[in-house]
Amino acid sequence: MSEYFENILPQDHFNWLYKLDSQGLYWVWVYLNFNPICTKGFRPSSLPIEKGYVETHEAIIPLIINTFDNSHGTLFVDKQNYLEELKIQYSKFLSSERSLNWLKPNDTELLGWVWNYICKRSLEFNFLAPITSKDYYWAINAVISNWQLLLRNQSKLYIERPTIRFRLRESIHLPTAKELIDGLNNSYKQKKHRMKSISSPGLTKANQKKLTNYAKEQNTTEKKALNEIVKTMLD
């Protein structure tokens, strides 16, 4: 038991986390799960079992610290080195461009569509359970930006913990990061084209623009917005 506690990093090693924004916290959490710290050896059974998933960004920091603490069998210096490499990779993420520039943090319907697209074609994330549209947005960006780590470690991750934090779909070949992004972009273009093809008939360009802006303000689709307008006017 003494070896376990000797290798726990002091709290000040994690002070930098409290300076990160929500997107940064999601990125770190996904990085930890796609590129896990080596875990082997003894862990005191008296320690409480922490939940391994996040629903909102507020819950992430305690889980990050718990992940480091519970990486039993990993030496203190190895945890330090891992943490330093994580910081380096995070700084690279900060200077990178977002892959899906059409994705907005308040577009609930589109965010749900993107999340389902990723999960159905690749894996189920048991370590992520976003609730709000913004949490979905941060989670999606974090998953896509760390995708190469998932590809590199997928066999190890599936063997070591298939039911704890995520489950790879065995029958599906994981796409590369480029294939995933290209697939999302192409599918979004098709989706957008279909939406335009069934857009409100008979509206002038000016009124169509007003409807589009109204739908965005109400965080809904144009079809739903038009139904609301008609219902309000005729009821």
Protein backbone atom coordinates (compact mmCIF):
# COMPACT_ATOMS: atom_id res chain seq x y z
CA MET A 1 0.00 0.00 0.00
CA SER A 2 2.86 2.41 0.75
CA GLU A 3 4.14 2.06 -2.83
CA TYR A 4 0.74 3.13 -4.13
CA PHE A 5 0.68 6.35 -2.11
CA GLU A 6 4.35 7.13 -2.76
CA ASN A 7 3.64 7.36 -6.48
CA ILE A 8 0.67 9.74 -6.23
CA LEU A 9 1.45 13.16 -7.70
CA PRO A 10 0.99 16.15 -5.36
CA GLN A 11 -1.97 18.45 -5.95
CA ASP A 12 0.23 21.28 -7.28
CA HIS A 13 0.99 19.17 -10.36
CA PHE A 14 -2.63 19.69 -11.39
CA ASN A 15 -3.08 23.39 -10.60
CA TRP A 16 -2.74 24.24 -14.30
CA LEU A 17 -5.98 22.37 -15.00
CA TYR A 18 -7.98 25.01 -13.15
CA LYS A 19 -6.84 27.59 -15.73
CA LEU A 20 -8.18 25.63 -18.69
CA ASP A 21 -11.46 26.45 -20.38
CA SER A 22 -14.14 23.81 -20.88
CA GLN A 23 -12.83 22.78 -24.29
CA GLY A 24 -9.37 22.28 -22.81
CA LEU A 25 -10.69 20.07 -20.02
CA TYR A 26 -12.57 17.88 -22.47
CA TRP A 27 -9.43 17.57 -24.58
CA VAL A 28 -7.34 16.43 -21.61
CA TRP A 29 -9.99 13.92 -20.53
CA VAL A 30 -10.20 12.36 -24.01
CA TYR A 31 -6.39 12.31 -24.30
CA LEU A 32 -6.18 10.36 -21.04
CA ASN A 33 -8.69 7.79 -22.26
CA PHE A 34 -7.28 7.38 -25.78
CA ASN A 35 -3.71 7.26 -24.47
CA PRO A 36 -3.99 5.72 -20.98
CA ILE A 37 -1.28 5.75 -18.36
CA CYS A 38 0.14 2.30 -17.78
CA THR A 39 -1.93 0.59 -15.10
CA LYS A 40 -0.71 -2.54 -13.37
CA GLY A 41 0.09 -3.82 -9.93
CA PHE A 42 -1.51 -3.17 -6.55
CA ARG A 43 -4.32 -0.75 -5.74
CA PRO A 44 -5.68 -0.66 -2.18
CA SER A 45 -9.14 -2.22 -2.16
CA SER A 46 -10.18 0.22 0.55
CA LEU A 47 -10.16 3.14 -1.91
CA PRO A 48 -13.58 4.10 -3.24
CA ILE A 49 -14.38 3.33 -6.87
CA GLU A 50 -14.95 6.56 -8.77
CA LYS A 51 -17.29 6.84 -11.72
CA GLY A 52 -15.38 6.88 -15.00
CA TYR A 53 -17.47 9.16 -17.20
CA VAL A 54 -18.30 12.86 -17.45
CA GLU A 55 -21.61 14.51 -18.26
CA THR A 56 -20.52 18.15 -17.93
CA HIS A 57 -17.19 19.97 -17.91
CA GLU A 58 -17.47 20.69 -14.19
CA ALA A 59 -16.90 17.01 -13.37
CA ILE A 60 -13.72 16.58 -15.39
CA ILE A 61 -10.91 17.83 -13.11
CA PRO A 62 -11.62 15.41 -10.21
CA LEU A 63 -11.75 12.53 -12.71
CA ILE A 64 -8.44 13.56 -14.29
CA ILE A 65 -6.75 13.60 -10.89
CA ASN A 66 -8.36 10.29 -9.95
CA THR A 67 -7.09 8.76 -13.18
CA PHE A 68 -3.52 9.69 -12.27
CA ASP A 69 -3.96 8.54 -8.67
CA ASN A 70 -5.45 5.23 -9.72
CA SER A 71 -2.73 4.44 -12.26
CA HIS A 72 -1.33 1.93 -9.82
CA GLY A 73 1.98 0.33 -10.65
CA THR A 74 3.12 3.47 -12.48
CA LEU A 75 6.16 5.17 -10.96
CA PHE A 76 6.06 8.77 -9.80
CA VAL A 77 8.58 9.86 -12.45
CA ASP A 78 6.60 8.10 -15.21
CA LYS A 79 3.47 10.00 -14.21
CA GLN A 80 5.45 13.24 -14.26
CA ASN A 81 6.79 12.50 -17.74
CA TYR A 82 3.34 11.57 -18.98
CA LEU A 83 1.92 14.82 -17.60
CA GLU A 84 4.63 16.90 -19.28
CA GLU A 85 4.00 15.22 -22.64
CA LEU A 86 0.28 15.81 -22.20
CA LYS A 87 0.94 19.53 -21.73
CA ILE A 88 3.06 19.64 -24.89
CA GLN A 89 0.34 17.98 -26.93
CA TYR A 90 -2.28 20.29 -25.44
CA SER A 91 -0.29 23.35 -26.52
CA LYS A 92 -0.31 21.95 -30.07
CA PHE A 93 -4.07 21.51 -29.88
CA LEU A 94 -4.48 25.16 -28.89
CA SER A 95 -2.70 26.32 -32.05
CA SER A 96 -4.59 23.96 -34.36
CA GLU A 97 -7.72 24.75 -36.37
CA ARG A 98 -11.04 23.07 -35.66
CA SER A 99 -11.81 20.32 -38.16
CA LEU A 100 -15.54 21.05 -38.49
CA ASN A 101 -15.82 24.81 -38.91
CA TRP A 102 -19.54 24.50 -39.67
CA LEU A 103 -20.30 23.00 -36.27
CA LYS A 104 -21.66 25.47 -33.73
CA PRO A 105 -21.94 24.99 -29.93
CA ASN A 106 -25.66 25.85 -29.79
CA ASP A 107 -26.91 23.76 -32.71
CA THR A 108 -28.42 20.95 -30.68
CA GLU A 109 -29.81 18.97 -33.60
CA LEU A 110 -26.61 19.08 -35.66
CA LEU A 111 -24.42 18.25 -32.64
CA GLY A 112 -26.52 15.18 -31.92
CA TRP A 113 -26.25 14.14 -35.55
CA VAL A 114 -22.43 14.46 -35.53
CA TRP A 115 -22.13 12.57 -32.24
CA ASN A 116 -24.27 9.71 -33.54
CA TYR A 117 -22.31 9.67 -36.79
CA ILE A 118 -19.03 9.17 -34.91
CA CYS A 119 -20.41 6.57 -32.50
CA LYS A 120 -22.26 4.47 -35.08
CA ARG A 121 -19.27 4.30 -37.40
CA SER A 122 -16.59 3.69 -34.85
CA LEU A 123 -17.16 3.13 -31.12
CA GLU A 124 -19.22 3.85 -28.06
CA PHE A 125 -17.72 6.18 -25.47
CA ASN A 126 -18.50 5.11 -21.94
CA PHE A 127 -16.25 7.83 -20.53
CA LEU A 128 -18.29 10.60 -22.15
CA ALA A 129 -21.98 11.23 -21.54
CA PRO A 130 -22.54 14.87 -22.56
CA ILE A 131 -25.84 16.47 -21.62
CA THR A 132 -25.88 20.04 -22.91
CA SER A 133 -25.25 21.13 -26.49
CA LYS A 134 -22.02 22.84 -25.45
CA ASP A 135 -20.77 19.68 -23.75
CA TYR A 136 -21.48 17.77 -26.97
CA TYR A 137 -19.54 20.41 -28.91
CA TRP A 138 -16.49 20.24 -26.64
CA ALA A 139 -16.58 16.45 -26.57
CA ILE A 140 -16.75 16.19 -30.38
CA ASN A 141 -13.80 18.53 -30.86
CA ALA A 142 -11.77 16.64 -28.25
CA VAL A 143 -12.52 13.23 -29.78
CA ILE A 144 -11.67 14.28 -33.32
CA SER A 145 -8.45 16.08 -32.34
CA ASN A 146 -7.25 12.99 -30.41
CA TRP A 147 -8.36 10.48 -33.01
CA GLN A 148 -4.83 9.45 -34.01
CA LEU A 149 -4.21 8.31 -30.43
CA LEU A 150 -7.27 6.07 -30.62
CA LEU A 151 -6.02 4.49 -33.84
CA ARG A 152 -2.58 3.94 -32.37
CA ASN A 153 -3.84 2.37 -29.14
CA GLN A 154 -7.10 0.71 -30.21
CA SER A 155 -5.99 -2.92 -29.77
CA LYS A 156 -4.56 -2.22 -26.33
CA LEU A 157 -7.61 -0.25 -25.26
CA TYR A 158 -10.05 -2.92 -26.39
CA ILE A 159 -8.16 -5.75 -24.72
CA GLU A 160 -7.50 -3.99 -21.42
CA ARG A 161 -10.81 -2.28 -20.76
CA PRO A 162 -13.58 -2.98 -23.26
CA THR A 163 -16.41 -2.34 -20.79
CA ILE A 164 -14.98 0.25 -18.43
CA ARG A 165 -14.62 3.49 -20.38
CA PHE A 166 -15.46 2.73 -23.98
CA ARG A 167 -16.32 -0.13 -26.28
CA LEU A 168 -14.92 -0.48 -29.75
CA ARG A 169 -17.28 -1.90 -32.32
CA GLU A 170 -15.39 -5.02 -33.39
CA SER A 171 -17.16 -5.38 -36.72
CA ILE A 172 -16.30 -1.84 -37.84
CA HIS A 173 -12.97 -0.70 -39.21
CA LEU A 174 -11.95 2.53 -37.54
CA PRO A 175 -11.41 5.30 -40.09
CA THR A 176 -8.34 7.48 -40.09
CA ALA A 177 -8.74 11.03 -38.82
CA LYS A 178 -8.87 12.29 -42.41
CA GLU A 179 -11.46 9.69 -43.40
CA LEU A 180 -13.58 10.60 -40.40
CA ILE A 181 -13.43 14.34 -41.07
CA ASP A 182 -13.98 13.95 -44.83
CA GLY A 183 -16.92 11.64 -44.16
CA LEU A 184 -18.49 14.14 -41.77
CA ASN A 185 -17.98 17.05 -44.15
CA ASN A 186 -19.44 15.15 -47.11
CA SER A 187 -22.39 13.86 -45.10
CA TYR A 188 -23.07 17.35 -43.79
CA LYS A 189 -23.09 18.75 -47.34
CA GLN A 190 -25.59 16.08 -48.37
CA LYS A 191 -27.70 16.75 -45.29
CA LYS A 192 -27.65 20.48 -45.99
CA HIS A 193 -28.61 19.89 -49.61
CA ARG A 194 -31.55 17.68 -48.57
CA MET A 195 -32.74 20.34 -46.14
CA LYS A 196 -32.63 22.96 -48.88
CA SER A 197 -34.52 20.72 -51.28
CA ILE A 198 -37.42 20.45 -48.82
CA SER A 199 -37.26 24.07 -47.66
CA SER A 200 -40.42 26.12 -47.46
CA PRO A 201 -42.13 26.31 -50.88
CA GLY A 202 -43.28 29.63 -52.23
CA LEU A 203 -41.22 31.84 -49.92
CA THR A 204 -39.41 34.79 -51.43
CA LYS A 205 -35.65 34.98 -50.88
CA ALA A 206 -36.17 37.75 -48.35
CA ASN A 207 -38.71 35.74 -46.34
CA GLN A 208 -36.61 32.59 -46.59
CA LYS A 209 -33.71 34.53 -45.10
CA LYS A 210 -35.94 35.79 -42.28
CA LEU A 211 -37.07 32.24 -41.57
CA THR A 212 -33.49 30.99 -41.53
CA ASN A 213 -32.43 33.70 -39.09
CA TYR A 214 -35.45 33.08 -36.88
CA ALA A 215 -34.73 29.35 -36.76
CA LYS A 216 -31.15 30.06 -35.70
CA GLU A 217 -32.31 32.45 -32.98
CA GLN A 218 -34.72 29.79 -31.66
CA ASN A 219 -32.08 27.06 -31.94
CA THR A 220 -34.38 24.90 -34.06
CA THR A 221 -34.87 23.77 -37.66
CA GLU A 222 -36.55 25.90 -40.31
CA LYS A 223 -39.32 23.32 -40.64
CA LYS A 224 -40.12 23.45 -36.93
CA ALA A 225 -39.85 27.25 -36.90
CA LEU A 226 -42.30 27.55 -39.79
CA ASN A 227 -44.75 25.20 -38.08
CA GLU A 228 -44.57 27.30 -34.92
CA ILE A 229 -45.22 30.49 -36.88
CA VAL A 230 -48.20 28.98 -38.71
CA LYS A 231 -49.63 27.54 -35.50
CA THR A 232 -49.29 30.89 -33.70
CA MET A 233 -50.91 32.81 -36.54
CA LEU A 234 -53.81 30.43 -37.16
CA ASP A 235 -54.68 29.09 -33.71
